[in-house]
Structure formats: C-alpha cells, structure tokens
Amino acid sequence: MQYTIVLEPRDDKGYIARCVEVPGIVGYGDSRGDAVERIREAISDMQKTWNEELQGVIHAVRSEVIKIDVADAA
C-alpha cells in the first residue's frame, strides 16, 4: 500500500515527514531519509495496531468480514 508523505525542513535542522492519509502520523529525522524511515516505521506500527484491534473485534462478537471498493476522492 502506498501513502502520501509530505517532507518539510525543520527550522532547527532535519526534516519532518507527515502522512496525508493518516493524520497524526509523523516522522522526524536529521536527513530526509531518516524522516522517511521513521514515518515508514510509524505507519507499520499503526497498521499492526489496527489489525490487532480488528482481530479483537472479530473474535469478541459474531462478525462478518467483507471487502468493499471505495472510489478515490481526488
């Protein structure tokens, strides 16, 4: 899955990376590469958390899991 990342130079030094699709996911680094790697890790952690929470819900109730398509809003 691809995510849109906005890289911004920081005033003090280094970079901040923000994820457009997931507000609140941020990565900081001394270089662009460091910031991207940190946000990649943060997104991966977020995905793991979402999957764990979803599995908990599925096991807690009698749920049906389906997949749907949603058109891009662009």
Protein backbone atom coordinates (compact mmCIF):
# COMPACT_ATOMS: atom_id res chain seq x y z
CA MET A 1 0.00 0.00 0.00
CA GLN A 2 1.27 3.46 -0.79
CA TYR A 3 0.93 6.53 1.39
CA THR A 4 1.49 10.17 0.51
CA ILE A 5 4.24 11.74 2.61
CA VAL A 6 4.93 15.48 2.89
CA LEU A 7 8.55 16.28 3.81
CA GLU A 8 9.30 19.64 5.40
CA PRO A 9 12.65 21.04 6.50
CA ARG A 10 12.63 21.95 10.20
CA ASP A 11 13.80 25.37 11.41
CA ASP A 12 16.35 23.93 13.84
CA LYS A 13 17.66 21.25 11.41
CA GLY A 14 16.50 18.00 9.96
CA TYR A 15 13.16 17.08 8.47
CA ILE A 16 9.63 16.25 9.48
CA ALA A 17 7.54 13.80 7.47
CA ARG A 18 3.74 13.81 7.68
CA CYS A 19 1.35 11.22 6.28
CA VAL A 20 -1.52 12.76 4.31
CA GLU A 21 -3.82 9.74 4.59
CA VAL A 22 -3.30 9.20 8.33
CA PRO A 23 -3.33 12.46 10.30
CA GLY A 24 -1.16 12.34 13.39
CA ILE A 25 1.44 10.01 11.89
CA VAL A 26 4.73 11.92 11.90
CA GLY A 27 8.40 11.07 11.49
CA TYR A 28 11.39 13.22 12.41
CA GLY A 29 14.97 12.81 11.22
CA ASP A 30 18.29 14.54 10.71
CA SER A 31 18.04 13.76 6.99
CA ARG A 32 15.20 13.23 4.52
CA GLY A 33 15.96 9.51 4.54
CA ASP A 34 15.83 9.33 8.34
CA ALA A 35 12.47 11.10 8.43
CA VAL A 36 11.04 8.81 5.75
CA GLU A 37 12.30 5.70 7.53
CA ARG A 38 10.79 6.86 10.83
CA ILE A 39 7.40 7.58 9.28
CA ARG A 40 7.53 4.22 7.50
CA GLU A 41 8.03 2.58 10.91
CA ALA A 42 5.21 4.64 12.43
CA ILE A 43 2.81 3.64 9.65
CA SER A 44 3.80 -0.01 10.02
CA ASP A 45 3.18 0.16 13.78
CA MET A 46 -0.20 1.81 13.13
CA GLN A 47 -1.17 -0.95 10.69
CA LYS A 48 -0.23 -3.64 13.22
CA THR A 49 -2.31 -1.91 15.91
CA TRP A 50 -5.32 -1.60 13.59
CA ASN A 51 -5.05 -5.28 12.64
CA GLU A 52 -4.81 -6.36 16.29
CA GLU A 53 -7.83 -4.22 17.21
CA LEU A 54 -9.81 -5.60 14.27
CA GLN A 55 -8.96 -9.19 15.22
CA GLY A 56 -10.14 -8.45 18.77
CA VAL A 57 -13.47 -7.16 17.48
CA ILE A 58 -13.91 -10.12 15.13
CA HIS A 59 -13.27 -12.59 17.95
CA ALA A 60 -15.36 -10.68 20.50
CA VAL A 61 -18.59 -10.71 18.50
CA ARG A 62 -20.10 -12.73 15.75
CA SER A 63 -18.93 -10.55 12.91
CA GLU A 64 -18.87 -10.90 9.18
CA VAL A 65 -15.83 -9.51 7.39
CA ILE A 66 -16.34 -8.21 3.86
CA LYS A 67 -14.32 -6.08 1.47
CA ILE A 68 -15.72 -3.10 -0.43
CA ASP A 69 -14.37 -0.75 -3.08
CA VAL A 70 -14.37 3.00 -2.47
CA ALA A 71 -13.58 5.44 -5.27
CA ASP A 72 -10.70 7.85 -4.76
CA ALA A 73 -11.79 11.32 -3.69
CA ALA A 74 -9.25 13.03 -5.97
